Amino acid sequence: NKLGWYRIPLAKGEQPSFEKDVWKD
């Protein structure tokens, strides 16, 4: 497990803030 990224809630209607358009749904 490569550590350093922590899961947080995704704001409604928003895209993830990291590597946009790379991770789908």
mmCIF file of all heavy atoms, coordinates in Angstrom:
data_MODEL
# 
_entry.id   MODEL 
# 
loop_
_atom_site.group_PDB 
_atom_site.id 
_atom_site.type_symbol 
_atom_site.label_atom_id 
_atom_site.label_alt_id 
_atom_site.label_comp_id 
_atom_site.label_asym_id 
_atom_site.label_entity_id 
_atom_site.label_seq_id 
_atom_site.pdbx_PDB_ins_code 
_atom_site.Cartn_x 
_atom_site.Cartn_y 
_atom_site.Cartn_z 
_atom_site.occupancy 
_atom_site.B_iso_or_equiv 
_atom_site.pdbx_formal_charge 
_atom_site.auth_seq_id 
_atom_site.auth_comp_id 
_atom_site.auth_asym_id 
_atom_site.auth_atom_id 
_atom_site.pdbx_PDB_model_num 
ATOM 1   N N   . ASN A 1 1  ? 0.855   -1.183 0.000   1.00 0.00 ? 1  ASN A N   1 
ATOM 2   C CA  . ASN A 1 1  ? 0.000   0.000  0.000   1.00 0.00 ? 1  ASN A CA  1 
ATOM 3   C C   . ASN A 1 1  ? 0.893   1.237  0.000   1.00 0.00 ? 1  ASN A C   1 
ATOM 4   O O   . ASN A 1 1  ? 1.607   1.506  0.966   1.00 0.00 ? 1  ASN A O   1 
ATOM 5   C CB  . ASN A 1 1  ? -0.934  0.016  1.216   1.00 0.00 ? 1  ASN A CB  1 
ATOM 6   C CG  . ASN A 1 1  ? -1.991  1.116  1.105   1.00 0.00 ? 1  ASN A CG  1 
ATOM 7   O OD1 . ASN A 1 1  ? -2.085  1.800  0.092   1.00 0.00 ? 1  ASN A OD1 1 
ATOM 8   N ND2 . ASN A 1 1  ? -2.781  1.281  2.145   1.00 0.00 ? 1  ASN A ND2 1 
ATOM 9   N N   . LYS A 1 2  ? 0.842   1.976  -1.087  1.00 0.00 ? 2  LYS A N   1 
ATOM 10  C CA  . LYS A 1 2  ? 1.606   3.220  -1.198  1.00 0.00 ? 2  LYS A CA  1 
ATOM 11  C C   . LYS A 1 2  ? 0.783   4.310  -0.515  1.00 0.00 ? 2  LYS A C   1 
ATOM 12  O O   . LYS A 1 2  ? -0.313  4.654  -0.972  1.00 0.00 ? 2  LYS A O   1 
ATOM 13  C CB  . LYS A 1 2  ? 1.885   3.533  -2.669  1.00 0.00 ? 2  LYS A CB  1 
ATOM 14  C CG  . LYS A 1 2  ? 2.653   2.411  -3.379  1.00 0.00 ? 2  LYS A CG  1 
ATOM 15  C CD  . LYS A 1 2  ? 3.220   2.851  -4.719  1.00 0.00 ? 2  LYS A CD  1 
ATOM 16  C CE  . LYS A 1 2  ? 2.150   3.130  -5.748  1.00 0.00 ? 2  LYS A CE  1 
ATOM 17  N NZ  . LYS A 1 2  ? 1.527   1.875  -6.252  1.00 0.00 ? 2  LYS A NZ  1 
ATOM 18  N N   . LEU A 1 3  ? 1.326   4.856  0.559   1.00 0.00 ? 3  LEU A N   1 
ATOM 19  C CA  . LEU A 1 3  ? 0.570   5.733  1.443   1.00 0.00 ? 3  LEU A CA  1 
ATOM 20  C C   . LEU A 1 3  ? 0.865   7.205  1.182   1.00 0.00 ? 3  LEU A C   1 
ATOM 21  O O   . LEU A 1 3  ? 1.935   7.567  0.711   1.00 0.00 ? 3  LEU A O   1 
ATOM 22  C CB  . LEU A 1 3  ? 0.918   5.408  2.896   1.00 0.00 ? 3  LEU A CB  1 
ATOM 23  C CG  . LEU A 1 3  ? 0.704   3.956  3.324   1.00 0.00 ? 3  LEU A CG  1 
ATOM 24  C CD1 . LEU A 1 3  ? 1.407   3.687  4.638   1.00 0.00 ? 3  LEU A CD1 1 
ATOM 25  C CD2 . LEU A 1 3  ? -0.775  3.640  3.424   1.00 0.00 ? 3  LEU A CD2 1 
ATOM 26  N N   . GLY A 1 4  ? -0.099  8.024  1.543   1.00 0.00 ? 4  GLY A N   1 
ATOM 27  C CA  . GLY A 1 4  ? 0.073   9.467  1.408   1.00 0.00 ? 4  GLY A CA  1 
ATOM 28  C C   . GLY A 1 4  ? -1.181  10.167 0.929   1.00 0.00 ? 4  GLY A C   1 
ATOM 29  O O   . GLY A 1 4  ? -1.282  11.393 0.980   1.00 0.00 ? 4  GLY A O   1 
ATOM 30  N N   . TRP A 1 5  ? -2.165  9.377  0.476   1.00 0.00 ? 5  TRP A N   1 
ATOM 31  C CA  . TRP A 1 5  ? -3.443  9.936  0.037   1.00 0.00 ? 5  TRP A CA  1 
ATOM 32  C C   . TRP A 1 5  ? -4.548  9.419  0.950   1.00 0.00 ? 5  TRP A C   1 
ATOM 33  O O   . TRP A 1 5  ? -4.677  8.212  1.151   1.00 0.00 ? 5  TRP A O   1 
ATOM 34  C CB  . TRP A 1 5  ? -3.728  9.567  -1.418  1.00 0.00 ? 5  TRP A CB  1 
ATOM 35  C CG  . TRP A 1 5  ? -2.816  10.280 -2.374  1.00 0.00 ? 5  TRP A CG  1 
ATOM 36  C CD1 . TRP A 1 5  ? -1.568  9.888  -2.770  1.00 0.00 ? 5  TRP A CD1 1 
ATOM 37  C CD2 . TRP A 1 5  ? -3.074  11.523 -3.026  1.00 0.00 ? 5  TRP A CD2 1 
ATOM 38  N NE1 . TRP A 1 5  ? -1.035  10.809 -3.634  1.00 0.00 ? 5  TRP A NE1 1 
ATOM 39  C CE2 . TRP A 1 5  ? -1.930  11.833 -3.821  1.00 0.00 ? 5  TRP A CE2 1 
ATOM 40  C CE3 . TRP A 1 5  ? -4.149  12.416 -3.029  1.00 0.00 ? 5  TRP A CE3 1 
ATOM 41  C CZ2 . TRP A 1 5  ? -1.844  12.980 -4.596  1.00 0.00 ? 5  TRP A CZ2 1 
ATOM 42  C CZ3 . TRP A 1 5  ? -4.064  13.562 -3.807  1.00 0.00 ? 5  TRP A CZ3 1 
ATOM 43  C CH2 . TRP A 1 5  ? -2.928  13.834 -4.571  1.00 0.00 ? 5  TRP A CH2 1 
ATOM 44  N N   . TYR A 1 6  ? -5.342  10.348 1.475   1.00 0.00 ? 6  TYR A N   1 
ATOM 45  C CA  . TYR A 1 6  ? -6.364  10.030 2.473   1.00 0.00 ? 6  TYR A CA  1 
ATOM 46  C C   . TYR A 1 6  ? -7.744  10.329 1.893   1.00 0.00 ? 6  TYR A C   1 
ATOM 47  O O   . TYR A 1 6  ? -7.989  11.415 1.358   1.00 0.00 ? 6  TYR A O   1 
ATOM 48  C CB  . TYR A 1 6  ? -6.134  10.873 3.728   1.00 0.00 ? 6  TYR A CB  1 
ATOM 49  C CG  . TYR A 1 6  ? -6.975  10.488 4.919   1.00 0.00 ? 6  TYR A CG  1 
ATOM 50  C CD1 . TYR A 1 6  ? -6.548  9.498  5.790   1.00 0.00 ? 6  TYR A CD1 1 
ATOM 51  C CD2 . TYR A 1 6  ? -8.188  11.126 5.174   1.00 0.00 ? 6  TYR A CD2 1 
ATOM 52  C CE1 . TYR A 1 6  ? -7.307  9.147  6.901   1.00 0.00 ? 6  TYR A CE1 1 
ATOM 53  C CE2 . TYR A 1 6  ? -8.950  10.783 6.275   1.00 0.00 ? 6  TYR A CE2 1 
ATOM 54  C CZ  . TYR A 1 6  ? -8.516  9.793  7.139   1.00 0.00 ? 6  TYR A CZ  1 
ATOM 55  O OH  . TYR A 1 6  ? -9.272  9.446  8.232   1.00 0.00 ? 6  TYR A OH  1 
ATOM 56  N N   . ARG A 1 7  ? -8.634  9.359  2.010   1.00 0.00 ? 7  ARG A N   1 
ATOM 57  C CA  . ARG A 1 7  ? -9.995  9.527  1.468   1.00 0.00 ? 7  ARG A CA  1 
ATOM 58  C C   . ARG A 1 7  ? -10.783 10.555 2.266   1.00 0.00 ? 7  ARG A C   1 
ATOM 59  O O   . ARG A 1 7  ? -10.780 10.534 3.502   1.00 0.00 ? 7  ARG A O   1 
ATOM 60  C CB  . ARG A 1 7  ? -10.738 8.190  1.489   1.00 0.00 ? 7  ARG A CB  1 
ATOM 61  C CG  . ARG A 1 7  ? -12.209 8.345  1.122   1.00 0.00 ? 7  ARG A CG  1 
ATOM 62  C CD  . ARG A 1 7  ? -12.980 7.057  1.295   1.00 0.00 ? 7  ARG A CD  1 
ATOM 63  N NE  . ARG A 1 7  ? -12.848 6.211  0.130   1.00 0.00 ? 7  ARG A NE  1 
ATOM 64  C CZ  . ARG A 1 7  ? -13.583 5.099  -0.069  1.00 0.00 ? 7  ARG A CZ  1 
ATOM 65  N NH1 . ARG A 1 7  ? -14.463 4.721  0.852   1.00 0.00 ? 7  ARG A NH1 1 
ATOM 66  N NH2 . ARG A 1 7  ? -13.410 4.385  -1.163  1.00 0.00 ? 7  ARG A NH2 1 
ATOM 67  N N   . ILE A 1 8  ? -11.474 11.434 1.547   1.00 0.00 ? 8  ILE A N   1 
ATOM 68  C CA  . ILE A 1 8  ? -12.392 12.399 2.153   1.00 0.00 ? 8  ILE A CA  1 
ATOM 69  C C   . ILE A 1 8  ? -13.675 12.407 1.327   1.00 0.00 ? 8  ILE A C   1 
ATOM 70  O O   . ILE A 1 8  ? -13.694 11.903 0.196   1.00 0.00 ? 8  ILE A O   1 
ATOM 71  C CB  . ILE A 1 8  ? -11.777 13.824 2.198   1.00 0.00 ? 8  ILE A CB  1 
ATOM 72  C CG1 . ILE A 1 8  ? -11.484 14.328 0.774   1.00 0.00 ? 8  ILE A CG1 1 
ATOM 73  C CG2 . ILE A 1 8  ? -10.525 13.852 3.063   1.00 0.00 ? 8  ILE A CG2 1 
ATOM 74  C CD1 . ILE A 1 8  ? -11.087 15.790 0.715   1.00 0.00 ? 8  ILE A CD1 1 
ATOM 75  N N   . PRO A 1 9  ? -14.760 12.980 1.859   1.00 0.00 ? 9  PRO A N   1 
ATOM 76  C CA  . PRO A 1 9  ? -15.999 13.041 1.087   1.00 0.00 ? 9  PRO A CA  1 
ATOM 77  C C   . PRO A 1 9  ? -15.829 13.873 -0.186  1.00 0.00 ? 9  PRO A C   1 
ATOM 78  O O   . PRO A 1 9  ? -15.038 14.819 -0.228  1.00 0.00 ? 9  PRO A O   1 
ATOM 79  C CB  . PRO A 1 9  ? -16.991 13.701 2.055   1.00 0.00 ? 9  PRO A CB  1 
ATOM 80  C CG  . PRO A 1 9  ? -16.416 13.450 3.412   1.00 0.00 ? 9  PRO A CG  1 
ATOM 81  C CD  . PRO A 1 9  ? -14.932 13.480 3.235   1.00 0.00 ? 9  PRO A CD  1 
ATOM 82  N N   . LEU A 1 10 ? -16.563 13.504 -1.202  1.00 0.00 ? 10 LEU A N   1 
ATOM 83  C CA  . LEU A 1 10 ? -16.585 14.254 -2.457  1.00 0.00 ? 10 LEU A CA  1 
ATOM 84  C C   . LEU A 1 10 ? -17.768 15.205 -2.439  1.00 0.00 ? 10 LEU A C   1 
ATOM 85  O O   . LEU A 1 10 ? -18.914 14.789 -2.208  1.00 0.00 ? 10 LEU A O   1 
ATOM 86  C CB  . LEU A 1 10 ? -16.702 13.295 -3.640  1.00 0.00 ? 10 LEU A CB  1 
ATOM 87  C CG  . LEU A 1 10 ? -16.751 13.920 -5.040  1.00 0.00 ? 10 LEU A CG  1 
ATOM 88  C CD1 . LEU A 1 10 ? -15.431 14.618 -5.358  1.00 0.00 ? 10 LEU A CD1 1 
ATOM 89  C CD2 . LEU A 1 10 ? -17.046 12.854 -6.087  1.00 0.00 ? 10 LEU A CD2 1 
ATOM 90  N N   . ALA A 1 11 ? -17.488 16.468 -2.658  1.00 0.00 ? 11 ALA A N   1 
ATOM 91  C CA  . ALA A 1 11 ? -18.565 17.463 -2.663  1.00 0.00 ? 11 ALA A CA  1 
ATOM 92  C C   . ALA A 1 11 ? -19.585 17.133 -3.750  1.00 0.00 ? 11 ALA A C   1 
ATOM 93  O O   . ALA A 1 11 ? -19.219 16.711 -4.857  1.00 0.00 ? 11 ALA A O   1 
ATOM 94  C CB  . ALA A 1 11 ? -17.987 18.855 -2.872  1.00 0.00 ? 11 ALA A CB  1 
ATOM 95  N N   . LYS A 1 12 ? -20.835 17.316 -3.446  1.00 0.00 ? 12 LYS A N   1 
ATOM 96  C CA  . LYS A 1 12 ? -21.915 16.978 -4.370  1.00 0.00 ? 12 LYS A CA  1 
ATOM 97  C C   . LYS A 1 12 ? -21.741 17.730 -5.691  1.00 0.00 ? 12 LYS A C   1 
ATOM 98  O O   . LYS A 1 12 ? -21.551 18.933 -5.721  1.00 0.00 ? 12 LYS A O   1 
ATOM 99  C CB  . LYS A 1 12 ? -23.266 17.334 -3.744  1.00 0.00 ? 12 LYS A CB  1 
ATOM 100 C CG  . LYS A 1 12 ? -24.457 16.874 -4.593  1.00 0.00 ? 12 LYS A CG  1 
ATOM 101 C CD  . LYS A 1 12 ? -25.772 17.141 -3.875  1.00 0.00 ? 12 LYS A CD  1 
ATOM 102 C CE  . LYS A 1 12 ? -26.955 16.656 -4.717  1.00 0.00 ? 12 LYS A CE  1 
ATOM 103 N NZ  . LYS A 1 12 ? -28.250 16.911 -4.034  1.00 0.00 ? 12 LYS A NZ  1 
ATOM 104 N N   . GLY A 1 13 ? -21.791 16.971 -6.765  1.00 0.00 ? 13 GLY A N   1 
ATOM 105 C CA  . GLY A 1 13 ? -21.690 17.558 -8.091  1.00 0.00 ? 13 GLY A CA  1 
ATOM 106 C C   . GLY A 1 13 ? -20.290 17.925 -8.515  1.00 0.00 ? 13 GLY A C   1 
ATOM 107 O O   . GLY A 1 13 ? -20.086 18.475 -9.594  1.00 0.00 ? 13 GLY A O   1 
ATOM 108 N N   . GLU A 1 14 ? -19.294 17.621 -7.675  1.00 0.00 ? 14 GLU A N   1 
ATOM 109 C CA  . GLU A 1 14 ? -17.911 17.997 -7.975  1.00 0.00 ? 14 GLU A CA  1 
ATOM 110 C C   . GLU A 1 14 ? -17.106 16.803 -8.480  1.00 0.00 ? 14 GLU A C   1 
ATOM 111 O O   . GLU A 1 14 ? -17.426 15.647 -8.218  1.00 0.00 ? 14 GLU A O   1 
ATOM 112 C CB  . GLU A 1 14 ? -17.239 18.566 -6.725  1.00 0.00 ? 14 GLU A CB  1 
ATOM 113 C CG  . GLU A 1 14 ? -17.814 19.886 -6.264  1.00 0.00 ? 14 GLU A CG  1 
ATOM 114 C CD  . GLU A 1 14 ? -17.586 21.013 -7.253  1.00 0.00 ? 14 GLU A CD  1 
ATOM 115 O OE1 . GLU A 1 14 ? -16.508 21.049 -7.872  1.00 0.00 ? 14 GLU A OE1 1 
ATOM 116 O OE2 . GLU A 1 14 ? -18.489 21.859 -7.394  1.00 0.00 ? 14 GLU A OE2 1 
ATOM 117 N N   . GLN A 1 15 ? -16.056 17.119 -9.224  1.00 0.00 ? 15 GLN A N   1 
ATOM 118 C CA  . GLN A 1 15 ? -15.093 16.121 -9.647  1.00 0.00 ? 15 GLN A CA  1 
ATOM 119 C C   . GLN A 1 15 ? -14.021 15.976 -8.568  1.00 0.00 ? 15 GLN A C   1 
ATOM 120 O O   . GLN A 1 15 ? -13.777 16.906 -7.796  1.00 0.00 ? 15 GLN A O   1 
ATOM 121 C CB  . GLN A 1 15 ? -14.436 16.548 -10.960 1.00 0.00 ? 15 GLN A CB  1 
ATOM 122 C CG  . GLN A 1 15 ? -15.350 16.487 -12.173 1.00 0.00 ? 15 GLN A CG  1 
ATOM 123 C CD  . GLN A 1 15 ? -15.611 15.060 -12.623 1.00 0.00 ? 15 GLN A CD  1 
ATOM 124 O OE1 . GLN A 1 15 ? -14.730 14.208 -12.568 1.00 0.00 ? 15 GLN A OE1 1 
ATOM 125 N NE2 . GLN A 1 15 ? -16.840 14.807 -13.056 1.00 0.00 ? 15 GLN A NE2 1 
ATOM 126 N N   . PRO A 1 16 ? -13.347 14.820 -8.492  1.00 0.00 ? 16 PRO A N   1 
ATOM 127 C CA  . PRO A 1 16 ? -12.223 14.699 -7.556  1.00 0.00 ? 16 PRO A CA  1 
ATOM 128 C C   . PRO A 1 16 ? -11.181 15.773 -7.829  1.00 0.00 ? 16 PRO A C   1 
ATOM 129 O O   . PRO A 1 16 ? -11.001 16.204 -8.972  1.00 0.00 ? 16 PRO A O   1 
ATOM 130 C CB  . PRO A 1 16 ? -11.673 13.298 -7.851  1.00 0.00 ? 16 PRO A CB  1 
ATOM 131 C CG  . PRO A 1 16 ? -12.826 12.555 -8.451  1.00 0.00 ? 16 PRO A CG  1 
ATOM 132 C CD  . PRO A 1 16 ? -13.601 13.572 -9.223  1.00 0.00 ? 16 PRO A CD  1 
ATOM 133 N N   . SER A 1 17 ? -10.502 16.211 -6.800  1.00 0.00 ? 17 SER A N   1 
ATOM 134 C CA  . SER A 1 17 ? -9.553  17.317 -6.929  1.00 0.00 ? 17 SER A CA  1 
ATOM 135 C C   . SER A 1 17 ? -8.197  16.880 -7.455  1.00 0.00 ? 17 SER A C   1 
ATOM 136 O O   . SER A 1 17 ? -7.357  17.719 -7.773  1.00 0.00 ? 17 SER A O   1 
ATOM 137 C CB  . SER A 1 17 ? -9.377  18.001 -5.564  1.00 0.00 ? 17 SER A CB  1 
ATOM 138 O OG  . SER A 1 17 ? -8.905  17.072 -4.601  1.00 0.00 ? 17 SER A OG  1 
ATOM 139 N N   . PHE A 1 18 ? -7.959  15.585 -7.552  1.00 0.00 ? 18 PHE A N   1 
ATOM 140 C CA  . PHE A 1 18 ? -6.654  15.080 -8.001  1.00 0.00 ? 18 PHE A CA  1 
ATOM 141 C C   . PHE A 1 18 ? -6.819  14.367 -9.349  1.00 0.00 ? 18 PHE A C   1 
ATOM 142 O O   . PHE A 1 18 ? -7.813  13.705 -9.600  1.00 0.00 ? 18 PHE A O   1 
ATOM 143 C CB  . PHE A 1 18 ? -6.060  14.127 -6.969  1.00 0.00 ? 18 PHE A CB  1 
ATOM 144 C CG  . PHE A 1 18 ? -6.838  12.836 -6.802  1.00 0.00 ? 18 PHE A CG  1 
ATOM 145 C CD1 . PHE A 1 18 ? -6.394  11.662 -7.383  1.00 0.00 ? 18 PHE A CD1 1 
ATOM 146 C CD2 . PHE A 1 18 ? -8.024  12.816 -6.079  1.00 0.00 ? 18 PHE A CD2 1 
ATOM 147 C CE1 . PHE A 1 18 ? -7.111  10.490 -7.251  1.00 0.00 ? 18 PHE A CE1 1 
ATOM 148 C CE2 . PHE A 1 18 ? -8.735  11.642 -5.932  1.00 0.00 ? 18 PHE A CE2 1 
ATOM 149 C CZ  . PHE A 1 18 ? -8.285  10.476 -6.524  1.00 0.00 ? 18 PHE A CZ  1 
ATOM 150 N N   . GLU A 1 19 ? -5.841  14.514 -10.217 1.00 0.00 ? 19 GLU A N   1 
ATOM 151 C CA  . GLU A 1 19 ? -5.821  13.844 -11.519 1.00 0.00 ? 19 GLU A CA  1 
ATOM 152 C C   . GLU A 1 19 ? -7.204  13.825 -12.181 1.00 0.00 ? 19 GLU A C   1 
ATOM 153 O O   . GLU A 1 19 ? -7.787  12.779 -12.465 1.00 0.00 ? 19 GLU A O   1 
ATOM 154 C CB  . GLU A 1 19 ? -5.265  12.430 -11.371 1.00 0.00 ? 19 GLU A CB  1 
ATOM 155 C CG  . GLU A 1 19 ? -3.803  12.425 -10.982 1.00 0.00 ? 19 GLU A CG  1 
ATOM 156 C CD  . GLU A 1 19 ? -3.210  11.031 -10.827 1.00 0.00 ? 19 GLU A CD  1 
ATOM 157 O OE1 . GLU A 1 19 ? -3.973  10.065 -10.660 1.00 0.00 ? 19 GLU A OE1 1 
ATOM 158 O OE2 . GLU A 1 19 ? -1.975  10.923 -10.857 1.00 0.00 ? 19 GLU A OE2 1 
ATOM 159 N N   . LYS A 1 20 ? -7.719  14.999 -12.432 1.00 0.00 ? 20 LYS A N   1 
ATOM 160 C CA  . LYS A 1 20 ? -9.058  15.126 -13.006 1.00 0.00 ? 20 LYS A CA  1 
ATOM 161 C C   . LYS A 1 20 ? -9.143  14.457 -14.372 1.00 0.00 ? 20 LYS A C   1 
ATOM 162 O O   . LYS A 1 20 ? -8.196  14.475 -15.146 1.00 0.00 ? 20 LYS A O   1 
ATOM 163 C CB  . LYS A 1 20 ? -9.433  16.601 -13.112 1.00 0.00 ? 20 LYS A CB  1 
ATOM 164 C CG  . LYS A 1 20 ? -9.583  17.280 -11.753 1.00 0.00 ? 20 LYS A CG  1 
ATOM 165 C CD  . LYS A 1 20 ? -9.976  18.736 -11.883 1.00 0.00 ? 20 LYS A CD  1 
ATOM 166 C CE  . LYS A 1 20 ? -10.129 19.384 -10.516 1.00 0.00 ? 20 LYS A CE  1 
ATOM 167 N NZ  . LYS A 1 20 ? -10.488 20.818 -10.592 1.00 0.00 ? 20 LYS A NZ  1 
ATOM 168 N N   . ASP A 1 21 ? -10.299 13.868 -14.638 1.00 0.00 ? 21 ASP A N   1 
ATOM 169 C CA  . ASP A 1 21 ? -10.605 13.184 -15.895 1.00 0.00 ? 21 ASP A CA  1 
ATOM 170 C C   . ASP A 1 21 ? -9.850  11.873 -16.071 1.00 0.00 ? 21 ASP A C   1 
ATOM 171 O O   . ASP A 1 21 ? -9.907  11.256 -17.141 1.00 0.00 ? 21 ASP A O   1 
ATOM 172 C CB  . ASP A 1 21 ? -10.335 14.094 -17.104 1.00 0.00 ? 21 ASP A CB  1 
ATOM 173 C CG  . ASP A 1 21 ? -11.162 15.369 -17.088 1.00 0.00 ? 21 ASP A CG  1 
ATOM 174 O OD1 . ASP A 1 21 ? -12.333 15.283 -16.691 1.00 0.00 ? 21 ASP A OD1 1 
ATOM 175 O OD2 . ASP A 1 21 ? -10.636 16.428 -17.450 1.00 0.00 ? 21 ASP A OD2 1 
ATOM 176 N N   . VAL A 1 22 ? -9.134  11.434 -15.035 1.00 0.00 ? 22 VAL A N   1 
ATOM 177 C CA  . VAL A 1 22 ? -8.412  10.161 -15.109 1.00 0.00 ? 22 VAL A CA  1 
ATOM 178 C C   . VAL A 1 22 ? -9.194  9.051  -14.407 1.00 0.00 ? 22 VAL A C   1 
ATOM 179 O O   . VAL A 1 22 ? -9.323  7.945  -14.923 1.00 0.00 ? 22 VAL A O   1 
ATOM 180 C CB  . VAL A 1 22 ? -7.010  10.301 -14.489 1.00 0.00 ? 22 VAL A CB  1 
ATOM 181 C CG1 . VAL A 1 22 ? -6.318  8.946  -14.382 1.00 0.00 ? 22 VAL A CG1 1 
ATOM 182 C CG2 . VAL A 1 22 ? -6.158  11.244 -15.334 1.00 0.00 ? 22 VAL A CG2 1 
ATOM 183 N N   . TRP A 1 23 ? -9.759  9.368  -13.238 1.00 0.00 ? 23 TRP A N   1 
ATOM 184 C CA  . TRP A 1 23 ? -10.521 8.385  -12.462 1.00 0.00 ? 23 TRP A CA  1 
ATOM 185 C C   . TRP A 1 23 ? -12.007 8.586  -12.740 1.00 0.00 ? 23 TRP A C   1 
ATOM 186 O O   . TRP A 1 23 ? -12.544 9.686  -12.591 1.00 0.00 ? 23 TRP A O   1 
ATOM 187 C CB  . TRP A 1 23 ? -10.224 8.544  -10.974 1.00 0.00 ? 23 TRP A CB  1 
ATOM 188 C CG  . TRP A 1 23 ? -8.763  8.475  -10.686 1.00 0.00 ? 23 TRP A CG  1 
ATOM 189 C CD1 . TRP A 1 23 ? -7.899  9.514  -10.523 1.00 0.00 ? 23 TRP A CD1 1 
ATOM 190 C CD2 . TRP A 1 23 ? -7.975  7.288  -10.591 1.00 0.00 ? 23 TRP A CD2 1 
ATOM 191 N NE1 . TRP A 1 23 ? -6.624  9.059  -10.313 1.00 0.00 ? 23 TRP A NE1 1 
ATOM 192 C CE2 . TRP A 1 23 ? -6.631  7.687  -10.346 1.00 0.00 ? 23 TRP A CE2 1 
ATOM 193 C CE3 . TRP A 1 23 ? -8.257  5.921  -10.676 1.00 0.00 ? 23 TRP A CE3 1 
ATOM 194 C CZ2 . TRP A 1 23 ? -5.598  6.778  -10.195 1.00 0.00 ? 23 TRP A CZ2 1 
ATOM 195 C CZ3 . TRP A 1 23 ? -7.223  5.016  -10.512 1.00 0.00 ? 23 TRP A CZ3 1 
ATOM 196 C CH2 . TRP A 1 23 ? -5.915  5.438  -10.276 1.00 0.00 ? 23 TRP A CH2 1 
ATOM 197 N N   . LYS A 1 24 ? -12.674 7.524  -13.142 1.00 0.00 ? 24 LYS A N   1 
ATOM 198 C CA  . LYS A 1 24 ? -14.056 7.618  -13.602 1.00 0.00 ? 24 LYS A CA  1 
ATOM 199 C C   . LYS A 1 24 ? -15.048 7.099  -12.554 1.00 0.00 ? 24 LYS A C   1 
ATOM 200 O O   . LYS A 1 24 ? -14.826 6.068  -11.929 1.00 0.00 ? 24 LYS A O   1 
ATOM 201 C CB  . LYS A 1 24 ? -14.235 6.809  -14.900 1.00 0.00 ? 24 LYS A CB  1 
ATOM 202 C CG  . LYS A 1 24 ? -13.267 7.195  -16.018 1.00 0.00 ? 24 LYS A CG  1 
ATOM 203 C CD  . LYS A 1 24 ? -13.422 8.657  -16.441 1.00 0.00 ? 24 LYS A CD  1 
ATOM 204 C CE  . LYS A 1 24 ? -12.478 9.009  -17.587 1.00 0.00 ? 24 LYS A CE  1 
ATOM 205 N NZ  . LYS A 1 24 ? -12.603 10.424 -17.999 1.00 0.00 ? 24 LYS A NZ  1 
ATOM 206 N N   . ASP A 1 25 ? -16.129 7.842  -12.407 1.00 0.00 ? 25 ASP A N   1 
ATOM 207 C CA  . ASP A 1 25 ? -17.259 7.421  -11.580 1.00 0.00 ? 25 ASP A CA  1 
ATOM 208 C C   . ASP A 1 25 ? -16.826 6.998  -10.176 1.00 0.00 ? 25 ASP A C   1 
ATOM 209 O O   . ASP A 1 25 ? -17.195 5.929  -9.683  1.00 0.00 ? 25 ASP A O   1 
ATOM 210 C CB  . ASP A 1 25 ? -18.008 6.268  -12.268 1.00 0.00 ? 25 ASP A CB  1 
ATOM 211 C CG  . ASP A 1 25 ? -19.361 5.998  -11.603 1.00 0.00 ? 25 ASP A CG  1 
ATOM 212 O OD1 . ASP A 1 25 ? -19.935 6.943  -11.023 1.00 0.00 ? 25 ASP A OD1 1 
ATOM 213 O OD2 . ASP A 1 25 ? -19.826 4.845  -11.655 1.00 0.00 ? 25 ASP A OD2 1 
# 
